[in-house]
Every structure is written in structure tokens, then in C-alpha cells.
N, C-alpha and C. Protein backbone atom coordinates (compact mmCIF):
# COMPACT_ATOMS: atom_id res chain seq x y z
N UNK A 1 14.15 -30.07 -19.11
CA UNK A 1 15.07 -30.13 -20.34
C UNK A 1 16.35 -29.40 -20.01
N UNK A 2 17.43 -29.99 -20.41
CA UNK A 2 18.72 -29.39 -20.24
C UNK A 2 18.89 -28.31 -21.19
N UNK A 3 19.49 -27.22 -20.82
CA UNK A 3 19.76 -26.01 -21.63
C UNK A 3 20.72 -26.46 -22.76
N UNK A 4 20.40 -26.07 -23.97
CA UNK A 4 21.17 -26.34 -25.14
C UNK A 4 21.92 -25.12 -25.66
N UNK A 5 21.37 -23.88 -25.40
CA UNK A 5 22.07 -22.68 -25.79
C UNK A 5 21.68 -21.48 -24.92
N UNK A 6 22.53 -20.44 -25.00
CA UNK A 6 22.29 -19.24 -24.38
C UNK A 6 21.85 -18.16 -25.35
N UNK A 7 20.88 -17.37 -24.92
CA UNK A 7 20.23 -16.43 -25.90
C UNK A 7 20.00 -15.12 -25.19
N UNK A 8 20.29 -14.05 -26.01
CA UNK A 8 19.84 -12.69 -25.58
C UNK A 8 18.78 -12.36 -26.56
N UNK A 9 17.72 -11.82 -26.02
CA UNK A 9 16.47 -11.45 -26.77
C UNK A 9 16.23 -9.93 -26.59
N UNK A 10 16.14 -9.25 -27.66
CA UNK A 10 15.81 -7.74 -27.57
C UNK A 10 14.96 -7.24 -28.62
N UNK A 11 14.57 -6.00 -28.48
CA UNK A 11 13.94 -5.24 -29.52
C UNK A 11 14.98 -4.21 -29.99
N UNK A 12 14.53 -3.40 -30.90
CA UNK A 12 15.38 -2.17 -31.29
C UNK A 12 14.86 -1.00 -30.36
N UNK A 13 15.62 0.01 -30.36
CA UNK A 13 15.43 1.19 -29.45
C UNK A 13 13.98 1.79 -29.62
N UNK A 14 13.43 1.78 -30.86
CA UNK A 14 12.18 2.42 -31.07
C UNK A 14 10.94 1.52 -30.87
N UNK A 15 11.20 0.32 -30.48
CA UNK A 15 10.05 -0.63 -30.39
C UNK A 15 9.70 -0.94 -28.95
N UNK A 16 8.43 -0.65 -28.65
CA UNK A 16 7.97 -0.85 -27.26
C UNK A 16 7.18 -2.13 -27.02
N UNK A 17 7.09 -3.01 -27.96
CA UNK A 17 6.23 -4.23 -27.83
C UNK A 17 6.76 -5.12 -26.73
N UNK A 18 5.93 -5.76 -25.95
CA UNK A 18 6.25 -6.74 -24.90
C UNK A 18 5.74 -8.08 -25.23
N UNK A 19 4.48 -8.20 -25.68
CA UNK A 19 3.91 -9.58 -25.79
C UNK A 19 4.69 -10.46 -26.78
N UNK A 20 5.15 -9.85 -27.87
CA UNK A 20 5.96 -10.68 -28.77
C UNK A 20 7.28 -11.16 -28.19
N UNK A 21 7.82 -10.36 -27.29
CA UNK A 21 9.03 -10.75 -26.57
C UNK A 21 8.73 -11.97 -25.61
N UNK A 22 7.62 -11.92 -24.97
CA UNK A 22 7.22 -13.02 -24.07
C UNK A 22 7.05 -14.25 -24.87
N UNK A 23 6.29 -14.14 -25.99
CA UNK A 23 6.12 -15.33 -26.88
C UNK A 23 7.42 -15.87 -27.33
N UNK A 24 8.28 -15.06 -27.85
CA UNK A 24 9.61 -15.48 -28.32
C UNK A 24 10.47 -16.10 -27.22
N UNK A 25 10.44 -15.54 -26.00
CA UNK A 25 11.10 -16.11 -24.92
C UNK A 25 10.64 -17.53 -24.64
N UNK A 26 9.36 -17.73 -24.61
CA UNK A 26 8.74 -19.06 -24.40
C UNK A 26 9.19 -19.99 -25.53
N UNK A 27 9.15 -19.57 -26.76
CA UNK A 27 9.47 -20.35 -27.89
C UNK A 27 10.96 -20.75 -27.81
N UNK A 28 11.84 -19.81 -27.53
CA UNK A 28 13.21 -20.13 -27.34
C UNK A 28 13.47 -21.16 -26.19
N UNK A 29 12.84 -20.95 -25.12
CA UNK A 29 12.94 -21.88 -23.96
C UNK A 29 12.44 -23.29 -24.34
N UNK A 30 11.41 -23.28 -25.06
CA UNK A 30 10.89 -24.65 -25.60
C UNK A 30 11.88 -25.40 -26.41
N UNK A 31 12.81 -24.65 -27.01
CA UNK A 31 13.83 -25.24 -27.88
C UNK A 31 15.15 -25.43 -27.11
N UNK A 32 15.16 -25.17 -25.84
CA UNK A 32 16.29 -25.47 -25.02
C UNK A 32 17.16 -24.28 -24.69
N UNK A 33 16.64 -23.03 -24.99
CA UNK A 33 17.42 -21.82 -24.69
C UNK A 33 17.30 -21.33 -23.33
N UNK A 34 18.35 -20.79 -22.77
CA UNK A 34 18.40 -20.04 -21.53
C UNK A 34 18.32 -18.60 -22.04
N UNK A 35 17.29 -17.89 -21.73
CA UNK A 35 17.04 -16.57 -22.35
C UNK A 35 17.11 -15.45 -21.41
N UNK A 36 17.95 -14.38 -21.83
CA UNK A 36 17.97 -13.17 -21.06
C UNK A 36 17.10 -12.15 -21.96
N UNK A 37 15.93 -11.82 -21.48
CA UNK A 37 15.02 -10.98 -22.24
C UNK A 37 15.26 -9.51 -21.78
N UNK A 38 15.79 -8.70 -22.69
CA UNK A 38 16.21 -7.32 -22.37
C UNK A 38 15.02 -6.37 -22.38
N UNK A 39 13.84 -6.82 -22.85
CA UNK A 39 12.63 -5.98 -22.81
C UNK A 39 12.51 -5.01 -23.91
N UNK A 40 11.42 -4.21 -23.93
CA UNK A 40 11.13 -3.29 -24.96
C UNK A 40 12.03 -2.08 -25.03
N UNK A 41 12.11 -1.39 -26.14
CA UNK A 41 12.90 -0.20 -26.41
C UNK A 41 14.32 -0.38 -25.89
N UNK A 42 14.99 -1.42 -26.18
CA UNK A 42 16.28 -1.82 -25.77
C UNK A 42 17.34 -0.89 -26.32
N UNK A 43 17.99 -0.11 -25.45
CA UNK A 43 19.14 0.72 -25.97
C UNK A 43 20.17 -0.12 -26.55
N UNK A 44 20.81 0.31 -27.67
CA UNK A 44 21.91 -0.47 -28.26
C UNK A 44 23.01 -0.80 -27.33
N UNK A 45 23.39 0.17 -26.43
CA UNK A 45 24.41 -0.03 -25.54
C UNK A 45 24.13 -1.24 -24.66
N UNK A 46 22.88 -1.36 -24.23
CA UNK A 46 22.41 -2.41 -23.31
C UNK A 46 22.60 -3.84 -24.02
N UNK A 47 22.25 -3.83 -25.37
CA UNK A 47 22.40 -5.13 -26.10
C UNK A 47 23.87 -5.40 -26.22
N UNK A 48 24.71 -4.42 -26.51
CA UNK A 48 26.15 -4.69 -26.68
C UNK A 48 26.70 -5.19 -25.36
N UNK A 49 26.32 -4.54 -24.23
CA UNK A 49 26.87 -4.95 -22.92
C UNK A 49 26.47 -6.41 -22.62
N UNK A 50 25.14 -6.77 -22.91
CA UNK A 50 24.69 -8.07 -22.62
C UNK A 50 25.42 -9.14 -23.48
N UNK A 51 25.71 -8.81 -24.73
CA UNK A 51 26.44 -9.71 -25.65
C UNK A 51 27.87 -9.89 -25.10
N UNK A 52 28.53 -8.83 -24.71
CA UNK A 52 29.85 -8.75 -24.31
C UNK A 52 30.03 -9.54 -23.01
N UNK A 53 29.08 -9.32 -22.13
CA UNK A 53 29.29 -9.98 -20.81
C UNK A 53 28.77 -11.40 -20.75
N UNK A 54 27.73 -11.80 -21.49
CA UNK A 54 27.17 -13.09 -21.51
C UNK A 54 27.61 -14.03 -22.50
N UNK A 55 28.22 -13.48 -23.58
CA UNK A 55 28.74 -14.38 -24.70
C UNK A 55 27.64 -15.39 -25.10
N UNK A 56 26.45 -14.92 -25.57
CA UNK A 56 25.45 -15.92 -25.88
C UNK A 56 25.77 -16.62 -27.18
N UNK A 57 25.04 -17.71 -27.42
CA UNK A 57 25.17 -18.48 -28.59
C UNK A 57 24.31 -17.78 -29.75
N UNK A 58 23.43 -16.95 -29.34
CA UNK A 58 22.36 -16.43 -30.31
C UNK A 58 21.83 -15.13 -29.70
N UNK A 59 21.69 -14.16 -30.66
CA UNK A 59 21.00 -12.93 -30.35
C UNK A 59 19.84 -12.81 -31.22
N UNK A 60 18.68 -12.67 -30.61
CA UNK A 60 17.41 -12.58 -31.40
C UNK A 60 16.81 -11.18 -31.20
N UNK A 61 16.56 -10.54 -32.22
CA UNK A 61 16.10 -9.14 -32.29
C UNK A 61 14.66 -9.22 -32.93
N UNK A 62 13.72 -8.58 -32.28
CA UNK A 62 12.34 -8.56 -32.75
C UNK A 62 11.79 -7.21 -32.82
N UNK A 63 11.01 -6.91 -33.80
CA UNK A 63 10.46 -5.57 -34.06
C UNK A 63 9.02 -5.66 -34.66
N UNK A 64 8.06 -4.92 -34.24
CA UNK A 64 6.83 -4.91 -34.83
C UNK A 64 6.28 -3.57 -35.19
N UNK A 65 7.07 -2.48 -35.01
CA UNK A 65 6.50 -1.19 -35.29
C UNK A 65 6.75 -0.65 -36.69
N UNK A 66 7.50 -1.45 -37.52
CA UNK A 66 7.73 -1.11 -38.88
C UNK A 66 9.01 -0.27 -39.12
N UNK A 67 9.80 -0.08 -38.10
CA UNK A 67 11.02 0.72 -38.16
C UNK A 67 12.17 -0.08 -37.71
N UNK A 68 12.05 -1.36 -37.63
CA UNK A 68 13.09 -2.21 -37.05
C UNK A 68 14.33 -2.32 -37.92
N UNK A 69 14.11 -2.16 -39.24
CA UNK A 69 15.30 -2.28 -40.22
C UNK A 69 16.27 -1.23 -39.85
N UNK A 70 15.87 -0.03 -39.58
CA UNK A 70 16.86 1.09 -39.25
C UNK A 70 17.58 0.76 -37.94
N UNK A 71 16.84 0.33 -36.86
CA UNK A 71 17.53 0.05 -35.65
C UNK A 71 18.37 -1.25 -35.76
N UNK A 72 18.01 -2.17 -36.63
CA UNK A 72 18.84 -3.38 -36.83
C UNK A 72 20.19 -2.98 -37.43
N UNK A 73 20.26 -2.04 -38.36
CA UNK A 73 21.47 -1.70 -38.94
C UNK A 73 22.42 -1.02 -37.96
N UNK A 74 21.82 -0.19 -37.14
CA UNK A 74 22.60 0.52 -36.04
C UNK A 74 23.10 -0.52 -35.05
N UNK A 75 22.29 -1.46 -34.70
CA UNK A 75 22.69 -2.51 -33.69
C UNK A 75 23.83 -3.31 -34.18
N UNK A 76 23.72 -3.79 -35.50
CA UNK A 76 24.85 -4.58 -36.07
C UNK A 76 26.10 -3.82 -36.21
N UNK A 77 26.01 -2.52 -36.50
CA UNK A 77 27.14 -1.57 -36.62
C UNK A 77 27.84 -1.48 -35.25
N UNK A 78 27.06 -1.37 -34.18
CA UNK A 78 27.58 -1.25 -32.83
C UNK A 78 28.23 -2.59 -32.38
N UNK A 79 27.64 -3.64 -32.63
CA UNK A 79 28.25 -4.98 -32.29
C UNK A 79 29.60 -5.11 -33.04
N UNK A 80 29.66 -4.79 -34.25
CA UNK A 80 30.93 -4.93 -35.01
C UNK A 80 31.98 -3.92 -34.44
N UNK A 81 31.55 -2.70 -34.21
CA UNK A 81 32.48 -1.70 -33.58
C UNK A 81 33.09 -2.12 -32.29
N UNK A 82 32.38 -3.00 -31.49
CA UNK A 82 32.87 -3.46 -30.35
C UNK A 82 33.59 -4.84 -30.44
N UNK A 83 33.74 -5.28 -31.71
CA UNK A 83 34.37 -6.55 -31.98
C UNK A 83 33.57 -7.84 -31.50
N UNK A 84 32.31 -7.69 -31.53
CA UNK A 84 31.48 -8.72 -30.98
C UNK A 84 30.88 -9.53 -32.18
N UNK A 85 31.21 -10.77 -32.23
CA UNK A 85 30.62 -11.64 -33.36
C UNK A 85 29.80 -12.61 -32.75
N UNK A 86 28.48 -12.52 -32.91
CA UNK A 86 27.47 -13.40 -32.36
C UNK A 86 26.49 -13.75 -33.44
N UNK A 87 26.06 -15.04 -33.47
CA UNK A 87 24.98 -15.45 -34.36
C UNK A 87 23.73 -14.57 -34.08
N UNK A 88 23.23 -13.85 -35.09
CA UNK A 88 22.14 -12.93 -34.81
C UNK A 88 21.09 -13.07 -35.90
N UNK A 89 19.81 -13.09 -35.48
CA UNK A 89 18.67 -13.14 -36.39
C UNK A 89 17.72 -12.05 -35.95
N UNK A 90 16.88 -11.68 -36.87
CA UNK A 90 15.91 -10.58 -36.62
C UNK A 90 14.57 -11.04 -37.27
N UNK A 91 13.38 -10.52 -36.78
CA UNK A 91 12.23 -10.82 -37.32
C UNK A 91 11.12 -9.87 -36.89
N UNK A 92 9.99 -9.99 -37.55
CA UNK A 92 8.85 -9.13 -37.13
C UNK A 92 8.44 -8.30 -38.39
N UNK A 93 7.85 -7.08 -38.07
CA UNK A 93 7.61 -6.11 -39.12
C UNK A 93 8.66 -5.13 -39.03
N UNK A 94 9.50 -5.12 -40.06
CA UNK A 94 10.77 -4.37 -40.12
C UNK A 94 10.62 -3.15 -40.95
N UNK A 95 9.61 -2.98 -41.75
CA UNK A 95 9.42 -1.86 -42.66
C UNK A 95 7.88 -1.41 -42.62
N UNK A 96 7.71 -0.22 -42.99
CA UNK A 96 6.25 0.21 -43.11
C UNK A 96 5.58 -0.04 -44.40
N UNK A 97 6.41 -0.37 -45.45
CA UNK A 97 5.84 -0.68 -46.72
C UNK A 97 6.19 -2.14 -47.19
N UNK A 98 5.16 -2.90 -47.55
CA UNK A 98 5.36 -4.30 -47.97
C UNK A 98 6.42 -4.36 -49.09
N UNK A 99 6.47 -3.29 -49.97
CA UNK A 99 7.42 -3.38 -51.17
C UNK A 99 8.82 -3.17 -50.70
N UNK A 100 9.07 -2.76 -49.45
CA UNK A 100 10.39 -2.61 -48.99
C UNK A 100 11.03 -3.85 -48.29
N UNK A 101 10.22 -4.83 -48.15
CA UNK A 101 10.65 -6.00 -47.36
C UNK A 101 11.72 -6.78 -47.84
N UNK A 102 11.76 -7.04 -49.18
CA UNK A 102 12.82 -7.82 -49.88
C UNK A 102 14.19 -6.98 -49.78
N UNK A 103 14.10 -5.70 -50.00
CA UNK A 103 15.31 -4.96 -49.92
C UNK A 103 15.85 -4.94 -48.49
N UNK A 104 14.97 -4.72 -47.54
CA UNK A 104 15.45 -4.75 -46.13
C UNK A 104 16.05 -6.12 -45.83
N UNK A 105 15.48 -7.22 -46.24
CA UNK A 105 15.98 -8.53 -46.03
C UNK A 105 17.36 -8.69 -46.62
N UNK A 106 17.56 -8.18 -47.90
CA UNK A 106 18.92 -8.25 -48.58
C UNK A 106 19.85 -7.44 -47.77
N UNK A 107 19.56 -6.28 -47.34
CA UNK A 107 20.44 -5.41 -46.61
C UNK A 107 20.93 -6.01 -45.28
N UNK A 108 19.90 -6.48 -44.61
CA UNK A 108 20.24 -7.15 -43.24
C UNK A 108 21.04 -8.40 -43.37
N UNK A 109 20.70 -9.20 -44.34
CA UNK A 109 21.62 -10.41 -44.59
C UNK A 109 23.02 -9.90 -44.93
N UNK A 110 23.20 -8.99 -45.74
CA UNK A 110 24.52 -8.50 -46.09
C UNK A 110 25.20 -7.87 -45.03
N UNK A 111 24.56 -7.30 -43.98
CA UNK A 111 25.22 -6.75 -42.82
C UNK A 111 25.66 -7.86 -41.84
N UNK A 112 25.17 -9.02 -42.02
CA UNK A 112 25.59 -10.10 -41.10
C UNK A 112 24.58 -10.80 -40.38
N UNK A 113 23.29 -10.41 -40.43
CA UNK A 113 22.26 -11.20 -39.80
C UNK A 113 22.12 -12.62 -40.47
N UNK A 114 22.09 -13.64 -39.71
CA UNK A 114 21.98 -14.98 -40.19
C UNK A 114 20.66 -15.17 -41.00
N UNK A 115 19.56 -14.55 -40.52
CA UNK A 115 18.31 -14.74 -41.23
C UNK A 115 17.43 -13.54 -40.80
N UNK A 116 16.41 -13.26 -41.59
CA UNK A 116 15.46 -12.24 -41.38
C UNK A 116 14.04 -12.92 -41.59
N UNK A 117 13.33 -13.07 -40.44
CA UNK A 117 12.11 -13.74 -40.42
C UNK A 117 10.93 -12.76 -40.48
N UNK A 118 10.35 -12.62 -41.66
CA UNK A 118 9.27 -11.62 -41.79
C UNK A 118 8.05 -12.06 -42.59
N UNK A 119 8.08 -13.23 -43.16
CA UNK A 119 7.04 -13.59 -44.03
C UNK A 119 5.85 -14.32 -43.22
N UNK A 120 4.87 -14.77 -43.89
CA UNK A 120 3.73 -15.38 -43.29
C UNK A 120 4.14 -16.70 -42.50
N UNK A 121 5.16 -17.28 -43.03
CA UNK A 121 5.74 -18.48 -42.39
C UNK A 121 6.97 -18.28 -41.48
N UNK A 122 7.08 -17.07 -41.01
CA UNK A 122 8.18 -16.67 -40.19
C UNK A 122 8.40 -17.46 -38.93
N UNK A 123 7.30 -17.86 -38.20
CA UNK A 123 7.41 -18.67 -37.04
C UNK A 123 7.86 -20.11 -37.39
N UNK A 124 7.28 -20.62 -38.44
CA UNK A 124 7.62 -22.02 -38.81
C UNK A 124 9.13 -22.01 -39.24
N UNK A 125 9.57 -20.98 -39.96
CA UNK A 125 11.03 -20.97 -40.47
C UNK A 125 11.92 -20.68 -39.25
N UNK A 126 11.44 -19.91 -38.29
CA UNK A 126 12.29 -19.68 -37.09
C UNK A 126 12.47 -20.98 -36.21
N UNK A 127 11.36 -21.67 -36.21
CA UNK A 127 11.51 -23.05 -35.48
C UNK A 127 12.44 -23.99 -36.19
N UNK A 128 12.45 -23.95 -37.52
CA UNK A 128 13.40 -24.81 -38.29
C UNK A 128 14.85 -24.24 -38.02
N UNK A 129 15.02 -22.98 -37.92
CA UNK A 129 16.30 -22.42 -37.68
C UNK A 129 16.77 -22.84 -36.22
N UNK A 130 15.85 -22.78 -35.30
CA UNK A 130 16.28 -23.18 -33.94
C UNK A 130 16.62 -24.64 -33.84
N UNK A 131 15.81 -25.51 -34.49
CA UNK A 131 16.08 -26.94 -34.49
C UNK A 131 17.45 -27.25 -35.16
N UNK A 132 17.74 -26.60 -36.27
CA UNK A 132 18.98 -26.83 -36.92
C UNK A 132 20.15 -26.22 -36.15
N UNK A 133 19.89 -25.08 -35.50
CA UNK A 133 20.88 -24.45 -34.73
C UNK A 133 21.30 -25.26 -33.46
N UNK A 134 20.35 -25.85 -32.86
CA UNK A 134 20.66 -26.73 -31.70
C UNK A 134 21.40 -27.91 -32.12
N UNK A 135 21.11 -28.49 -33.32
CA UNK A 135 21.71 -29.72 -33.76
C UNK A 135 23.09 -29.46 -34.37
N UNK A 136 23.25 -28.40 -35.06
CA UNK A 136 24.49 -28.21 -35.87
C UNK A 136 25.23 -26.85 -35.59
N UNK A 137 24.67 -26.04 -34.67
CA UNK A 137 25.25 -24.69 -34.42
C UNK A 137 24.56 -23.66 -35.34
N UNK A 138 24.28 -22.51 -34.78
CA UNK A 138 23.44 -21.52 -35.39
C UNK A 138 24.24 -20.97 -36.66
N UNK A 139 25.48 -20.86 -36.54
CA UNK A 139 26.27 -20.23 -37.68
C UNK A 139 26.29 -21.06 -38.94
N UNK A 140 25.85 -22.31 -38.82
CA UNK A 140 25.79 -23.23 -39.95
C UNK A 140 24.46 -22.95 -40.86
N UNK A 141 23.60 -22.20 -40.38
CA UNK A 141 22.34 -21.86 -41.08
C UNK A 141 22.62 -21.06 -42.38
N UNK A 142 21.92 -21.58 -43.36
CA UNK A 142 22.02 -20.79 -44.68
C UNK A 142 20.67 -20.26 -45.02
N UNK A 143 20.56 -18.92 -44.93
CA UNK A 143 19.32 -18.19 -45.27
C UNK A 143 19.03 -18.30 -46.70
N UNK A 144 17.71 -18.27 -47.04
CA UNK A 144 17.34 -18.17 -48.46
C UNK A 144 17.59 -16.70 -48.88
N UNK A 145 18.10 -16.51 -50.05
CA UNK A 145 18.37 -15.15 -50.55
C UNK A 145 17.04 -14.50 -50.88
N UNK A 146 16.98 -13.13 -50.56
CA UNK A 146 15.85 -12.38 -50.93
C UNK A 146 15.82 -12.13 -52.44
N UNK A 147 14.61 -12.14 -53.04
CA UNK A 147 14.50 -11.94 -54.44
C UNK A 147 15.01 -10.52 -54.84
N UNK A 148 15.66 -10.39 -56.00
CA UNK A 148 16.09 -9.09 -56.51
C UNK A 148 15.23 -8.80 -57.68
N UNK A 149 14.38 -7.72 -57.58
CA UNK A 149 13.48 -7.36 -58.70
C UNK A 149 14.25 -6.90 -59.94
N UNK A 150 13.76 -7.16 -61.08
CA UNK A 150 14.40 -6.81 -62.34
C UNK A 150 14.74 -5.34 -62.43
N UNK A 151 14.00 -4.47 -61.80
CA UNK A 151 14.22 -2.97 -61.85
C UNK A 151 15.49 -2.60 -61.05
N UNK A 152 15.96 -3.55 -60.25
CA UNK A 152 17.25 -3.41 -59.59
C UNK A 152 18.44 -3.86 -60.40
N UNK A 153 18.17 -4.24 -61.62
CA UNK A 153 19.23 -4.69 -62.49
C UNK A 153 19.81 -6.01 -62.21
N UNK A 154 19.09 -6.77 -61.46
CA UNK A 154 19.53 -8.12 -61.09
C UNK A 154 20.72 -8.14 -60.15
N UNK A 155 21.06 -7.01 -59.56
CA UNK A 155 22.19 -6.95 -58.63
C UNK A 155 21.77 -6.74 -57.24
N UNK A 156 22.49 -7.08 -56.26
CA UNK A 156 22.15 -6.89 -54.93
C UNK A 156 23.01 -5.66 -54.47
N UNK A 157 22.33 -4.55 -54.12
CA UNK A 157 23.03 -3.34 -53.72
C UNK A 157 23.65 -3.51 -52.38
N UNK A 158 24.83 -2.86 -52.19
CA UNK A 158 25.50 -2.90 -50.95
C UNK A 158 24.61 -2.12 -49.91
N UNK A 159 24.63 -2.78 -48.67
CA UNK A 159 23.82 -2.11 -47.64
C UNK A 159 24.40 -0.79 -47.17
N UNK A 160 23.49 0.03 -46.65
CA UNK A 160 23.96 1.34 -46.15
C UNK A 160 24.50 1.06 -44.72
N UNK A 161 25.75 1.50 -44.56
CA UNK A 161 26.43 1.18 -43.32
C UNK A 161 26.60 2.52 -42.57
N UNK A 162 26.24 2.56 -41.33
CA UNK A 162 26.25 3.85 -40.61
C UNK A 162 27.52 3.79 -39.70
């Protein structure tokens, strides 16, 4: 299969998982990606350097330890600070509390992630994202908004920027 896009794949600094990265790499390759897998516990500087030097079409960030939301914020801030604009998605277990999932999704979408894949149908939705991205470009993707509970006054709070 001819390569259709270049991808950098990473975790956040606090996440040491490996098998999910191998799975994601194979999934990305199945969809035509040439993948540079940065491995577990990826330092932010290494991700920034890879994006700057390789200019990928897509950056995929994965986390399963429940602390990915914090690392994802720091990563996006670093990319922006270096003037790097790359289509970026994240998925996995990003929080330790199920009740924090929608807020984390809203925050990460507001920070500039194209989508946040965390639900039971995350892999299916990620496949749809890849298919559409290959066909029309990743930046054309429109993520579904995260629900805003009534106790938040129906407003989407501004994300915490570090």
C-alpha cells in the first residue's frame, strides 16, 4: 500500500504503556500511515523535536494511566510555544474519574486537539477519523462536542492553559 500520510505517535511523559502504542502503530499503518513511534514516557521536547523535524500530517497521543489529560495540556502548550501547528488527536484513559471525562474532552478540544477518543466506541470513531482524514485531510474533521452538564450553567469553561 502506498503511504497516504506521515504520523508521529507518542504517549505523555507519565505514561509507560507499550502495547497500546504497538496496536495504534499497526492501525495507523493499516490506514496508510508512515509512523514514527516515539515509545513510552515520551518527553515533551522529544515530541516537539519530532514534529518540527518531520512535519507529520498527524500527531497521535495515547495514554492509559489516567493522567493523560494533564500531559496533553502541557504538550499542546509546548507545540504552540514553538509555533508548530499539526493536526493532533488524543485517546485512551485520560482521567482517573469517569465523571471528569466530559470536562477533559471539552478542555482538550478547546486547546486545539481535533478529537479526543475515550469512549467505548473510541477505536471505531478513530477509524472513521482516519478514513475521513485520508480522504479529505485531517484538519477537516469535526469532533462532536462534549456534553455540558446543567450544573456547569450550560457554558463551556475556558481550558486551563499552562
